[in-house]
Every structure is written in structure tokens, then in C-alpha cells.
Amino acid sequence: MKPDAILIVDDEELIRETLRLDLLDQGYAVDAVASGEEAVRRLDRGYELIVTDLLMEGMNGLEVLRRVKEHTPHPAVFILTGHRELDAAIGALRLGADDYLTKPYEHAEMINRVNSCLRERATRRAKQKEDVLIHSICSECRKMRDPKSDPASPQWISLENFLRQELGCELSHGICPDCYRKKMAELNQMIHRGQLFRRP
């Protein structure tokens, strides 16, 4: 199974590399960058967790948090901060951060909180997959199995009836441009082969 990917954002090399090595030891796939700007450029790489320092030159941790929350899907965010910035870290939680770590962090506590966060996300994703409704549809006649019928002897209804029953909407029939062109080409071929005759 592919390991969860984590991005560390800190302009202090010692902290950045120590945290990276600690998380690598836990089997995570870990990248580390020295600026918020570089972190934002990497958001499309599918990280599950971003651990960002709060106070950095240029883009600070709160701005990284804001940009992450605008991204879809967005990873979890931990704020990394010193004891003096504890109030700011708590403020970051109110803005959507998932947790915070104080520097210097305690190794066992950091590992426990990271593991817990990623486990919760995996459980939530699994639950969302279970909640997805799957409806059977006939590949030939396009009828759907009625979810309200007895599973022992299921009834099949038209797509129109299914939508009317589930959504309460009425449908009108038309023809899309692609199908119109296809049908016109078929009719012209039939006329050309003499299967249909042009009107006088």
C-alpha cells in the first residue's frame, strides 16, 4: 500500500530535516521545503498532511493554511510554533488547522498525533466510500433496478421513472446535437441506398 505523503514547511533547516527524518522512520513519504511559496506550488502532489511553521519569511504559516483550505481536496494541516506563539497557534485551529506542535517537539507525542490524524482521515474516507450509492442499470434497455422494490424479486423501471421517483422531477425529451448529426447521417445513407425516398 502506498504510504501517506507529508510535506514539511519550515525555514529553519535543522528543524525541517529533523522532522523529515523522524517521519521517514515511521514509513511516511516525506518532502520538505523552506518556504510557504514553495509549499503552495506543491499542493497538487496529493499530500495527506502539511506541517508548516507559523512564523516564516515571506508567506507565513497562516497564509499557507488559508491556501491549503482553498485547495480541493485539501490535506490536514499542523501548525509548528514556538511556545511564545501559542495563542497564534490556537487561533490557527479556529481557522481550520487540524492540530499544532510546539518547538522543540516531543518525539513520541508528535508521532502519536500525526498517526492519529492520518488514521482518522483514512477512516473518514472509507466511510464516505461506503456511503456512495450504487444503482444497477441495464446496459441494453437502460432501465434501472428500483431501490424500493423487494431485493428477492427486484423491479426494473425506466430512467425517467427513477428520476421522477427519487428527485420528483419531470423530464422532457429532445435530441442532443451529436445524436442529431448521427441520425441525419443514417437517414441520408438510407436515402442514398434507396431504402427511403425523397419527397417530390
N, C-alpha and C. Protein backbone atom coordinates (compact mmCIF):
# COMPACT_ATOMS: atom_id res chain seq x y z
N MET A 1 0.85 -1.19 0.00
CA MET A 1 0.00 0.00 0.00
C MET A 1 0.89 1.24 0.00
N LYS A 2 0.50 2.24 -0.78
CA LYS A 2 1.28 3.47 -0.89
C LYS A 2 1.27 4.23 0.44
N PRO A 3 2.46 4.66 0.93
CA PRO A 3 2.49 5.38 2.21
C PRO A 3 1.87 6.77 2.09
N ASP A 4 1.31 7.26 3.20
CA ASP A 4 0.78 8.62 3.22
C ASP A 4 1.92 9.61 2.98
N ALA A 5 1.62 10.65 2.22
CA ALA A 5 2.63 11.66 1.89
C ALA A 5 2.47 12.88 2.81
N ILE A 6 3.57 13.37 3.33
CA ILE A 6 3.58 14.51 4.24
C ILE A 6 4.54 15.56 3.70
N LEU A 7 4.16 16.82 3.80
CA LEU A 7 5.02 17.93 3.41
C LEU A 7 5.35 18.76 4.64
N ILE A 8 6.62 19.01 4.87
CA ILE A 8 7.09 19.85 5.97
C ILE A 8 7.52 21.20 5.40
N VAL A 9 7.06 22.27 6.05
CA VAL A 9 7.37 23.63 5.61
C VAL A 9 8.00 24.38 6.78
N ASP A 10 9.29 24.66 6.67
CA ASP A 10 9.98 25.39 7.75
C ASP A 10 11.24 26.01 7.18
N ASP A 11 11.47 27.29 7.52
CA ASP A 11 12.67 27.96 7.00
C ASP A 11 13.91 27.69 7.85
N GLU A 12 13.76 26.93 8.94
CA GLU A 12 14.92 26.52 9.74
C GLU A 12 15.33 25.11 9.33
N GLU A 13 16.51 24.99 8.74
CA GLU A 13 16.93 23.71 8.16
C GLU A 13 17.01 22.60 9.20
N LEU A 14 17.53 22.88 10.39
CA LEU A 14 17.69 21.85 11.40
C LEU A 14 16.34 21.24 11.78
N ILE A 15 15.34 22.08 12.04
CA ILE A 15 14.01 21.59 12.40
C ILE A 15 13.39 20.85 11.22
N ARG A 16 13.51 21.42 10.05
CA ARG A 16 12.92 20.82 8.85
C ARG A 16 13.47 19.41 8.61
N GLU A 17 14.79 19.26 8.70
CA GLU A 17 15.41 17.97 8.42
C GLU A 17 15.17 16.96 9.55
N THR A 18 15.18 17.44 10.80
CA THR A 18 14.91 16.53 11.93
C THR A 18 13.51 15.95 11.82
N LEU A 19 12.55 16.82 11.55
CA LEU A 19 11.16 16.36 11.43
C LEU A 19 11.00 15.43 10.23
N ARG A 20 11.67 15.75 9.14
CA ARG A 20 11.59 14.90 7.94
C ARG A 20 12.11 13.50 8.24
N LEU A 21 13.27 13.40 8.90
CA LEU A 21 13.86 12.10 9.20
C LEU A 21 13.01 11.32 10.20
N ASP A 22 12.45 12.02 11.20
CA ASP A 22 11.59 11.35 12.18
C ASP A 22 10.37 10.72 11.51
N LEU A 23 9.78 11.44 10.55
CA LEU A 23 8.58 10.92 9.87
C LEU A 23 8.94 9.86 8.84
N LEU A 24 10.11 9.98 8.21
CA LEU A 24 10.57 8.92 7.30
C LEU A 24 10.74 7.61 8.05
N ASP A 25 11.25 7.69 9.28
CA ASP A 25 11.43 6.49 10.11
C ASP A 25 10.11 5.78 10.39
N GLN A 26 9.00 6.52 10.32
CA GLN A 26 7.67 5.94 10.56
C GLN A 26 7.06 5.34 9.29
N GLY A 27 7.78 5.43 8.19
CA GLY A 27 7.30 4.83 6.94
C GLY A 27 6.51 5.76 6.05
N TYR A 28 6.44 7.05 6.40
CA TYR A 28 5.73 8.01 5.56
C TYR A 28 6.60 8.46 4.40
N ALA A 29 5.97 8.91 3.33
CA ALA A 29 6.68 9.56 2.23
C ALA A 29 6.75 11.05 2.57
N VAL A 30 7.94 11.59 2.75
CA VAL A 30 8.08 12.94 3.30
C VAL A 30 8.89 13.84 2.37
N ASP A 31 8.34 15.01 2.07
CA ASP A 31 9.07 16.08 1.38
C ASP A 31 9.22 17.24 2.34
N ALA A 32 10.23 18.07 2.11
CA ALA A 32 10.45 19.24 2.97
C ALA A 32 10.85 20.43 2.12
N VAL A 33 10.25 21.59 2.41
CA VAL A 33 10.58 22.82 1.70
C VAL A 33 10.82 23.93 2.71
N ALA A 34 11.52 24.99 2.24
CA ALA A 34 11.94 26.06 3.15
C ALA A 34 11.05 27.28 3.11
N SER A 35 9.95 27.26 2.31
CA SER A 35 9.11 28.46 2.23
C SER A 35 7.66 28.09 1.97
N GLY A 36 6.77 29.00 2.39
CA GLY A 36 5.35 28.81 2.14
C GLY A 36 5.03 28.85 0.66
N GLU A 37 5.75 29.70 -0.07
CA GLU A 37 5.52 29.80 -1.51
C GLU A 37 5.77 28.46 -2.21
N GLU A 38 6.87 27.80 -1.83
CA GLU A 38 7.18 26.51 -2.43
C GLU A 38 6.15 25.46 -2.02
N ALA A 39 5.66 25.52 -0.80
CA ALA A 39 4.63 24.58 -0.34
C ALA A 39 3.37 24.70 -1.19
N VAL A 40 2.95 25.93 -1.43
CA VAL A 40 1.73 26.16 -2.21
C VAL A 40 1.89 25.63 -3.64
N ARG A 41 3.09 25.76 -4.19
CA ARG A 41 3.33 25.26 -5.55
C ARG A 41 3.24 23.73 -5.62
N ARG A 42 3.34 23.07 -4.47
CA ARG A 42 3.33 21.60 -4.45
C ARG A 42 1.98 21.01 -4.03
N LEU A 43 0.97 21.80 -3.88
CA LEU A 43 -0.30 21.29 -3.35
C LEU A 43 -0.94 20.22 -4.22
N ASP A 44 -0.63 20.20 -5.51
CA ASP A 44 -1.24 19.21 -6.40
C ASP A 44 -0.59 17.84 -6.29
N ARG A 45 0.38 17.67 -5.41
CA ARG A 45 1.10 16.39 -5.32
C ARG A 45 0.42 15.37 -4.42
N GLY A 46 -0.73 15.70 -3.86
CA GLY A 46 -1.51 14.72 -3.13
C GLY A 46 -1.04 14.43 -1.72
N TYR A 47 -0.60 15.46 -1.00
CA TYR A 47 -0.19 15.26 0.40
C TYR A 47 -1.41 15.02 1.28
N GLU A 48 -1.24 14.14 2.27
CA GLU A 48 -2.28 13.92 3.26
C GLU A 48 -2.15 14.89 4.43
N LEU A 49 -0.93 15.35 4.69
CA LEU A 49 -0.68 16.23 5.83
C LEU A 49 0.40 17.23 5.47
N ILE A 50 0.19 18.48 5.86
CA ILE A 50 1.21 19.52 5.74
C ILE A 50 1.50 20.03 7.14
N VAL A 51 2.77 19.99 7.51
CA VAL A 51 3.23 20.52 8.79
C VAL A 51 3.99 21.79 8.47
N THR A 52 3.43 22.95 8.86
CA THR A 52 4.04 24.22 8.49
C THR A 52 4.38 25.07 9.71
N ASP A 53 5.56 25.67 9.66
CA ASP A 53 5.95 26.61 10.69
C ASP A 53 5.01 27.81 10.63
N LEU A 54 4.79 28.43 11.77
CA LEU A 54 3.88 29.58 11.82
C LEU A 54 4.58 30.85 11.34
N LEU A 55 5.78 31.12 11.85
CA LEU A 55 6.50 32.35 11.51
C LEU A 55 7.62 32.05 10.53
N MET A 56 7.47 32.54 9.30
CA MET A 56 8.48 32.37 8.26
C MET A 56 8.60 33.66 7.47
N GLU A 57 9.75 33.85 6.84
CA GLU A 57 9.92 34.97 5.91
C GLU A 57 8.99 34.77 4.72
N GLY A 58 8.46 35.84 4.17
CA GLY A 58 7.55 35.71 3.03
C GLY A 58 6.20 35.20 3.49
N MET A 59 5.72 34.14 2.88
CA MET A 59 4.41 33.58 3.22
C MET A 59 4.48 32.84 4.55
N ASN A 60 3.68 33.29 5.53
CA ASN A 60 3.73 32.64 6.85
C ASN A 60 2.77 31.44 6.90
N GLY A 61 2.80 30.76 8.05
CA GLY A 61 2.01 29.54 8.19
C GLY A 61 0.51 29.75 8.08
N LEU A 62 0.00 30.90 8.54
CA LEU A 62 -1.44 31.16 8.43
C LEU A 62 -1.86 31.31 6.97
N GLU A 63 -1.00 31.93 6.16
CA GLU A 63 -1.32 32.07 4.74
C GLU A 63 -1.23 30.71 4.04
N VAL A 64 -0.26 29.89 4.44
CA VAL A 64 -0.19 28.52 3.89
C VAL A 64 -1.48 27.78 4.24
N LEU A 65 -1.93 27.90 5.50
CA LEU A 65 -3.17 27.26 5.93
C LEU A 65 -4.34 27.72 5.07
N ARG A 66 -4.44 29.02 4.86
CA ARG A 66 -5.55 29.56 4.07
C ARG A 66 -5.53 29.00 2.65
N ARG A 67 -4.35 28.95 2.04
CA ARG A 67 -4.24 28.46 0.66
C ARG A 67 -4.55 26.97 0.58
N VAL A 68 -4.14 26.22 1.59
CA VAL A 68 -4.43 24.78 1.62
C VAL A 68 -5.93 24.56 1.70
N LYS A 69 -6.62 25.34 2.54
CA LYS A 69 -8.07 25.15 2.72
C LYS A 69 -8.85 25.54 1.47
N GLU A 70 -8.25 26.33 0.59
CA GLU A 70 -8.89 26.67 -0.68
C GLU A 70 -8.69 25.58 -1.72
N HIS A 71 -7.75 24.68 -1.46
CA HIS A 71 -7.41 23.63 -2.42
C HIS A 71 -8.34 22.44 -2.23
N THR A 72 -8.71 21.78 -3.32
CA THR A 72 -9.59 20.62 -3.24
C THR A 72 -8.95 19.42 -3.95
N PRO A 73 -8.83 18.27 -3.29
CA PRO A 73 -9.12 18.06 -1.87
C PRO A 73 -7.98 18.61 -1.03
N HIS A 74 -8.28 19.09 0.17
CA HIS A 74 -7.21 19.68 0.96
C HIS A 74 -6.69 18.71 2.01
N PRO A 75 -5.37 18.73 2.21
CA PRO A 75 -4.77 17.87 3.23
C PRO A 75 -5.01 18.43 4.63
N ALA A 76 -4.70 17.61 5.63
CA ALA A 76 -4.71 18.10 7.01
C ALA A 76 -3.52 19.06 7.18
N VAL A 77 -3.64 19.98 8.14
CA VAL A 77 -2.57 20.95 8.39
C VAL A 77 -2.25 20.98 9.88
N PHE A 78 -0.96 20.81 10.20
CA PHE A 78 -0.45 21.02 11.55
C PHE A 78 0.36 22.30 11.54
N ILE A 79 0.16 23.13 12.56
CA ILE A 79 0.95 24.36 12.72
C ILE A 79 2.11 24.06 13.67
N LEU A 80 3.32 24.42 13.26
CA LEU A 80 4.52 24.22 14.07
C LEU A 80 4.93 25.58 14.62
N THR A 81 5.00 25.69 15.94
CA THR A 81 5.21 27.02 16.52
C THR A 81 6.00 26.96 17.82
N GLY A 82 6.59 28.08 18.19
CA GLY A 82 7.28 28.18 19.46
C GLY A 82 6.28 28.44 20.59
N HIS A 83 6.74 28.27 21.83
CA HIS A 83 5.85 28.45 22.99
C HIS A 83 5.29 29.87 23.05
N ARG A 84 6.06 30.87 22.63
CA ARG A 84 5.59 32.25 22.71
C ARG A 84 4.45 32.54 21.73
N GLU A 85 4.36 31.74 20.68
CA GLU A 85 3.29 31.96 19.68
C GLU A 85 2.10 31.03 19.90
N LEU A 86 1.95 30.52 21.12
CA LEU A 86 0.89 29.55 21.39
C LEU A 86 -0.50 30.12 21.11
N ASP A 87 -0.73 31.38 21.45
CA ASP A 87 -2.03 32.00 21.19
C ASP A 87 -2.32 32.02 19.69
N ALA A 88 -1.27 32.30 18.89
CA ALA A 88 -1.45 32.33 17.43
C ALA A 88 -1.77 30.93 16.91
N ALA A 89 -1.15 29.91 17.48
CA ALA A 89 -1.42 28.53 17.06
C ALA A 89 -2.86 28.15 17.37
N ILE A 90 -3.35 28.57 18.53
CA ILE A 90 -4.75 28.29 18.89
C ILE A 90 -5.68 29.03 17.93
N GLY A 91 -5.29 30.25 17.56
CA GLY A 91 -6.06 30.98 16.55
C GLY A 91 -6.09 30.24 15.22
N ALA A 92 -4.96 29.59 14.87
CA ALA A 92 -4.91 28.82 13.62
C ALA A 92 -5.88 27.64 13.66
N LEU A 93 -6.05 27.04 14.84
CA LEU A 93 -7.02 25.96 14.98
C LEU A 93 -8.43 26.45 14.65
N ARG A 94 -8.72 27.68 15.11
CA ARG A 94 -10.05 28.26 14.82
C ARG A 94 -10.22 28.53 13.32
N LEU A 95 -9.10 28.72 12.62
CA LEU A 95 -9.15 28.99 11.18
C LEU A 95 -9.12 27.71 10.35
N GLY A 96 -9.09 26.56 11.02
CA GLY A 96 -9.20 25.30 10.27
C GLY A 96 -8.01 24.38 10.36
N ALA A 97 -6.94 24.77 11.10
CA ALA A 97 -5.82 23.85 11.29
C ALA A 97 -6.30 22.63 12.06
N ASP A 98 -5.70 21.48 11.78
CA ASP A 98 -6.13 20.24 12.43
C ASP A 98 -5.45 20.02 13.78
N ASP A 99 -4.24 20.57 13.96
CA ASP A 99 -3.52 20.41 15.21
C ASP A 99 -2.32 21.35 15.18
N TYR A 100 -1.59 21.42 16.28
CA TYR A 100 -0.35 22.19 16.31
C TYR A 100 0.69 21.44 17.12
N LEU A 101 1.95 21.72 16.83
CA LEU A 101 3.08 21.16 17.55
C LEU A 101 3.96 22.30 18.01
N THR A 102 4.42 22.23 19.25
CA THR A 102 5.32 23.27 19.75
C THR A 102 6.78 22.86 19.54
N LYS A 103 7.61 23.84 19.23
CA LYS A 103 9.05 23.60 19.06
C LYS A 103 9.78 23.93 20.36
N PRO A 104 10.72 23.07 20.80
CA PRO A 104 11.06 21.77 20.20
C PRO A 104 9.98 20.75 20.54
N TYR A 105 9.61 19.93 19.57
CA TYR A 105 8.53 18.97 19.80
C TYR A 105 9.05 17.73 20.52
N GLU A 106 8.14 17.08 21.22
CA GLU A 106 8.46 15.82 21.90
C GLU A 106 8.17 14.70 20.90
N HIS A 107 9.18 13.89 20.62
CA HIS A 107 9.12 12.92 19.52
C HIS A 107 7.91 12.00 19.59
N ALA A 108 7.72 11.32 20.72
CA ALA A 108 6.62 10.35 20.84
C ALA A 108 5.26 11.02 20.67
N GLU A 109 5.11 12.22 21.24
CA GLU A 109 3.83 12.93 21.12
C GLU A 109 3.57 13.32 19.67
N MET A 110 4.61 13.81 18.98
CA MET A 110 4.46 14.20 17.58
C MET A 110 4.03 13.00 16.73
N ILE A 111 4.70 11.88 16.91
CA ILE A 111 4.37 10.67 16.13
C ILE A 111 2.94 10.23 16.42
N ASN A 112 2.56 10.25 17.68
CA ASN A 112 1.21 9.83 18.06
C ASN A 112 0.15 10.72 17.42
N ARG A 113 0.38 12.03 17.42
CA ARG A 113 -0.63 12.95 16.87
C ARG A 113 -0.70 12.87 15.35
N VAL A 114 0.44 12.69 14.69
CA VAL A 114 0.44 12.52 13.24
C VAL A 114 -0.27 11.22 12.86
N ASN A 115 0.09 10.13 13.54
CA ASN A 115 -0.55 8.84 13.26
C ASN A 115 -2.06 8.92 13.47
N SER A 116 -2.48 9.54 14.56
CA SER A 116 -3.90 9.66 14.88
C SER A 116 -4.64 10.45 13.81
N CYS A 117 -4.05 11.56 13.39
CA CYS A 117 -4.68 12.41 12.37
C CYS A 117 -4.87 11.64 11.06
N LEU A 118 -3.82 10.94 10.63
CA LEU A 118 -3.90 10.24 9.35
C LEU A 118 -4.82 9.03 9.42
N ARG A 119 -4.90 8.37 10.58
CA ARG A 119 -5.85 7.27 10.76
C ARG A 119 -7.28 7.77 10.65
N GLU A 120 -7.56 8.91 11.30
CA GLU A 120 -8.91 9.48 11.25
C GLU A 120 -9.31 9.84 9.82
N ARG A 121 -8.37 10.39 9.06
CA ARG A 121 -8.66 10.74 7.67
C ARG A 121 -8.95 9.49 6.84
N ALA A 122 -8.17 8.43 7.06
CA ALA A 122 -8.39 7.18 6.32
C ALA A 122 -9.75 6.58 6.66
N THR A 123 -10.12 6.63 7.94
CA THR A 123 -11.43 6.11 8.37
C THR A 123 -12.56 6.91 7.75
N ARG A 124 -12.38 8.25 7.71
CA ARG A 124 -13.41 9.12 7.14
C ARG A 124 -13.58 8.84 5.64
N ARG A 125 -12.47 8.64 4.94
CA ARG A 125 -12.54 8.35 3.51
C ARG A 125 -13.25 7.02 3.25
N ALA A 126 -12.93 6.02 4.08
CA ALA A 126 -13.57 4.71 3.92
C ALA A 126 -15.08 4.82 4.15
N LYS A 127 -15.47 5.61 5.15
CA LYS A 127 -16.90 5.80 5.43
C LYS A 127 -17.60 6.49 4.27
N GLN A 128 -16.92 7.48 3.67
CA GLN A 128 -17.51 8.18 2.53
C GLN A 128 -17.73 7.24 1.36
N LYS A 129 -16.79 6.30 1.16
CA LYS A 129 -16.95 5.33 0.08
C LYS A 129 -18.14 4.42 0.34
N GLU A 130 -18.32 4.03 1.60
CA GLU A 130 -19.46 3.18 1.95
C GLU A 130 -20.78 3.89 1.72
N ASP A 131 -20.76 5.22 1.90
CA ASP A 131 -22.00 5.99 1.77
C ASP A 131 -22.40 6.24 0.32
N VAL A 132 -21.49 5.96 -0.62
CA VAL A 132 -21.81 6.18 -2.03
C VAL A 132 -22.84 5.15 -2.47
N LEU A 133 -23.94 5.60 -3.04
CA LEU A 133 -24.98 4.69 -3.51
C LEU A 133 -24.65 4.21 -4.91
N ILE A 134 -24.74 2.90 -5.13
CA ILE A 134 -24.50 2.33 -6.44
C ILE A 134 -25.82 1.78 -6.96
N HIS A 135 -26.25 2.24 -8.13
CA HIS A 135 -27.50 1.79 -8.72
C HIS A 135 -27.20 0.93 -9.94
N SER A 136 -27.90 -0.17 -10.07
CA SER A 136 -27.75 -1.03 -11.24
C SER A 136 -28.56 -0.45 -12.40
N ILE A 137 -27.95 -0.49 -13.58
CA ILE A 137 -28.65 -0.04 -14.78
C ILE A 137 -28.39 -1.04 -15.89
N CYS A 138 -29.43 -1.41 -16.64
CA CYS A 138 -29.30 -2.38 -17.71
C CYS A 138 -28.53 -1.76 -18.87
N SER A 139 -27.53 -2.47 -19.34
CA SER A 139 -26.72 -1.92 -20.44
C SER A 139 -27.44 -1.99 -21.78
N GLU A 140 -28.55 -2.72 -21.83
CA GLU A 140 -29.29 -2.84 -23.09
C GLU A 140 -30.45 -1.86 -23.17
N CYS A 141 -31.39 -1.97 -22.22
CA CYS A 141 -32.59 -1.14 -22.30
C CYS A 141 -32.52 0.12 -21.45
N ARG A 142 -31.43 0.26 -20.66
CA ARG A 142 -31.19 1.43 -19.82
C ARG A 142 -32.19 1.57 -18.66
N LYS A 143 -32.89 0.47 -18.33
CA LYS A 143 -33.75 0.53 -17.14
C LYS A 143 -32.90 0.37 -15.89
N MET A 144 -33.42 0.89 -14.77
CA MET A 144 -32.71 0.82 -13.51
C MET A 144 -33.46 -0.08 -12.54
N ARG A 145 -32.68 -0.77 -11.69
CA ARG A 145 -33.32 -1.57 -10.65
C ARG A 145 -33.91 -0.62 -9.62
N ASP A 146 -35.18 -0.80 -9.34
CA ASP A 146 -35.87 0.07 -8.39
C ASP A 146 -35.36 -0.21 -6.97
N PRO A 147 -34.71 0.78 -6.32
CA PRO A 147 -34.17 0.54 -4.98
C PRO A 147 -35.26 0.29 -3.93
N LYS A 148 -36.49 0.64 -4.25
CA LYS A 148 -37.58 0.46 -3.30
C LYS A 148 -38.27 -0.90 -3.45
N SER A 149 -37.89 -1.65 -4.47
CA SER A 149 -38.55 -2.95 -4.67
C SER A 149 -37.89 -4.02 -3.81
N ASP A 150 -38.56 -5.18 -3.71
CA ASP A 150 -38.06 -6.29 -2.90
C ASP A 150 -36.78 -6.84 -3.52
N PRO A 151 -35.65 -6.90 -2.77
CA PRO A 151 -34.40 -7.41 -3.33
C PRO A 151 -34.51 -8.84 -3.84
N ALA A 152 -35.45 -9.62 -3.28
CA ALA A 152 -35.62 -11.01 -3.73
C ALA A 152 -36.21 -11.08 -5.13
N SER A 153 -37.06 -10.11 -5.50
CA SER A 153 -37.63 -10.05 -6.85
C SER A 153 -37.65 -8.59 -7.30
N PRO A 154 -36.48 -8.05 -7.63
CA PRO A 154 -36.37 -6.62 -7.95
C PRO A 154 -37.16 -6.23 -9.20
N GLN A 155 -37.71 -5.04 -9.14
CA GLN A 155 -38.43 -4.47 -10.28
C GLN A 155 -37.49 -3.50 -11.01
N TRP A 156 -37.66 -3.42 -12.31
CA TRP A 156 -36.82 -2.53 -13.12
C TRP A 156 -37.70 -1.45 -13.72
N ILE A 157 -37.25 -0.21 -13.59
CA ILE A 157 -38.05 0.93 -14.07
C ILE A 157 -37.20 1.78 -15.00
N SER A 158 -37.88 2.57 -15.81
CA SER A 158 -37.16 3.44 -16.75
C SER A 158 -36.38 4.51 -15.98
N LEU A 159 -35.37 5.03 -16.62
CA LEU A 159 -34.58 6.10 -16.01
C LEU A 159 -35.46 7.30 -15.67
N GLU A 160 -36.41 7.60 -16.56
CA GLU A 160 -37.32 8.71 -16.31
C GLU A 160 -38.13 8.49 -15.03
N ASN A 161 -38.67 7.27 -14.87
CA ASN A 161 -39.45 6.97 -13.66
C ASN A 161 -38.59 7.01 -12.41
N PHE A 162 -37.35 6.53 -12.53
CA PHE A 162 -36.45 6.56 -11.39
C PHE A 162 -36.20 8.01 -10.94
N LEU A 163 -35.91 8.89 -11.89
CA LEU A 163 -35.65 10.29 -11.54
C LEU A 163 -36.90 10.96 -10.99
N ARG A 164 -38.05 10.62 -11.55
CA ARG A 164 -39.31 11.18 -11.05
C ARG A 164 -39.55 10.71 -9.61
N GLN A 165 -39.26 9.44 -9.35
CA GLN A 165 -39.50 8.86 -8.03
C GLN A 165 -38.50 9.39 -7.00
N GLU A 166 -37.20 9.49 -7.36
CA GLU A 166 -36.16 9.88 -6.41
C GLU A 166 -36.03 11.39 -6.25
N LEU A 167 -36.20 12.12 -7.35
CA LEU A 167 -35.97 13.57 -7.31
C LEU A 167 -37.24 14.39 -7.46
N GLY A 168 -38.32 13.74 -7.84
CA GLY A 168 -39.57 14.47 -8.03
C GLY A 168 -39.56 15.40 -9.22
N CYS A 169 -38.73 15.08 -10.23
CA CYS A 169 -38.64 15.98 -11.38
C CYS A 169 -39.28 15.34 -12.61
N GLU A 170 -39.78 16.17 -13.49
CA GLU A 170 -40.34 15.73 -14.76
C GLU A 170 -39.33 15.99 -15.86
N LEU A 171 -39.26 15.09 -16.83
CA LEU A 171 -38.30 15.22 -17.91
C LEU A 171 -39.01 15.46 -19.23
N SER A 172 -38.40 16.25 -20.08
CA SER A 172 -38.88 16.40 -21.45
C SER A 172 -37.83 15.75 -22.35
N HIS A 173 -38.26 15.23 -23.48
CA HIS A 173 -37.35 14.55 -24.38
C HIS A 173 -36.93 15.46 -25.52
N GLY A 174 -35.68 15.35 -25.89
CA GLY A 174 -35.15 16.10 -27.01
C GLY A 174 -34.05 15.27 -27.63
N ILE A 175 -33.22 15.91 -28.43
CA ILE A 175 -32.09 15.21 -29.04
C ILE A 175 -30.88 16.14 -29.01
N CYS A 176 -29.76 15.62 -28.58
CA CYS A 176 -28.56 16.45 -28.49
C CYS A 176 -27.96 16.63 -29.88
N PRO A 177 -27.13 17.64 -30.08
CA PRO A 177 -26.54 17.89 -31.41
C PRO A 177 -25.77 16.71 -31.98
N ASP A 178 -25.02 15.98 -31.15
CA ASP A 178 -24.25 14.84 -31.65
C ASP A 178 -25.17 13.74 -32.18
N CYS A 179 -26.22 13.43 -31.40
CA CYS A 179 -27.17 12.40 -31.84
C CYS A 179 -27.95 12.85 -33.07
N TYR A 180 -28.28 14.15 -33.14
CA TYR A 180 -28.99 14.69 -34.31
C TYR A 180 -28.15 14.48 -35.57
N ARG A 181 -26.86 14.82 -35.49
CA ARG A 181 -25.98 14.65 -36.66
C ARG A 181 -25.85 13.18 -37.05
N LYS A 182 -25.77 12.31 -36.04
CA LYS A 182 -25.66 10.88 -36.32
C LYS A 182 -26.92 10.36 -37.01
N LYS A 183 -28.09 10.75 -36.49
CA LYS A 183 -29.35 10.30 -37.08
C LYS A 183 -29.52 10.83 -38.51
N MET A 184 -29.13 12.09 -38.73
CA MET A 184 -29.25 12.67 -40.08
C MET A 184 -28.34 11.94 -41.06
N ALA A 185 -27.13 11.57 -40.61
CA ALA A 185 -26.20 10.82 -41.48
C ALA A 185 -26.79 9.46 -41.82
N GLU A 186 -27.41 8.79 -40.82
CA GLU A 186 -28.04 7.49 -41.07
C GLU A 186 -29.19 7.63 -42.07
N LEU A 187 -30.02 8.66 -41.92
CA LEU A 187 -31.14 8.87 -42.84
C LEU A 187 -30.64 9.15 -44.26
N ASN A 188 -29.60 9.97 -44.37
CA ASN A 188 -29.06 10.27 -45.70
C ASN A 188 -28.50 9.03 -46.38
N GLN A 189 -27.87 8.15 -45.59
CA GLN A 189 -27.36 6.90 -46.16
C GLN A 189 -28.49 6.01 -46.64
N MET A 190 -29.58 5.96 -45.87
CA MET A 190 -30.72 5.15 -46.27
C MET A 190 -31.35 5.69 -47.55
N ILE A 191 -31.43 7.01 -47.66
CA ILE A 191 -31.96 7.62 -48.88
C ILE A 191 -31.05 7.30 -50.06
N HIS A 192 -29.75 7.40 -49.85
CA HIS A 192 -28.78 7.14 -50.91
C HIS A 192 -28.85 5.70 -51.39
N ARG A 193 -29.11 4.75 -50.46
CA ARG A 193 -29.20 3.34 -50.83
C ARG A 193 -30.59 2.98 -51.37
N GLY A 194 -31.48 3.93 -51.38
CA GLY A 194 -32.82 3.67 -51.91
C GLY A 194 -33.76 3.06 -50.89
N GLN A 195 -33.33 3.02 -49.64
CA GLN A 195 -34.20 2.47 -48.60
C GLN A 195 -35.29 3.45 -48.22
N LEU A 196 -35.04 4.72 -48.42
CA LEU A 196 -36.02 5.78 -48.21
C LEU A 196 -36.04 6.63 -49.45
N PHE A 197 -37.16 7.25 -49.73
CA PHE A 197 -37.26 8.09 -50.93
C PHE A 197 -37.50 9.51 -50.54
N ARG A 198 -36.86 10.40 -51.25
CA ARG A 198 -37.08 11.83 -51.04
C ARG A 198 -38.51 12.18 -51.45
N ARG A 199 -39.08 13.14 -50.76
CA ARG A 199 -40.41 13.61 -51.16
C ARG A 199 -40.30 14.39 -52.45
N PRO A 200 -41.32 14.30 -53.31
CA PRO A 200 -41.27 15.08 -54.58
C PRO A 200 -41.33 16.55 -54.30
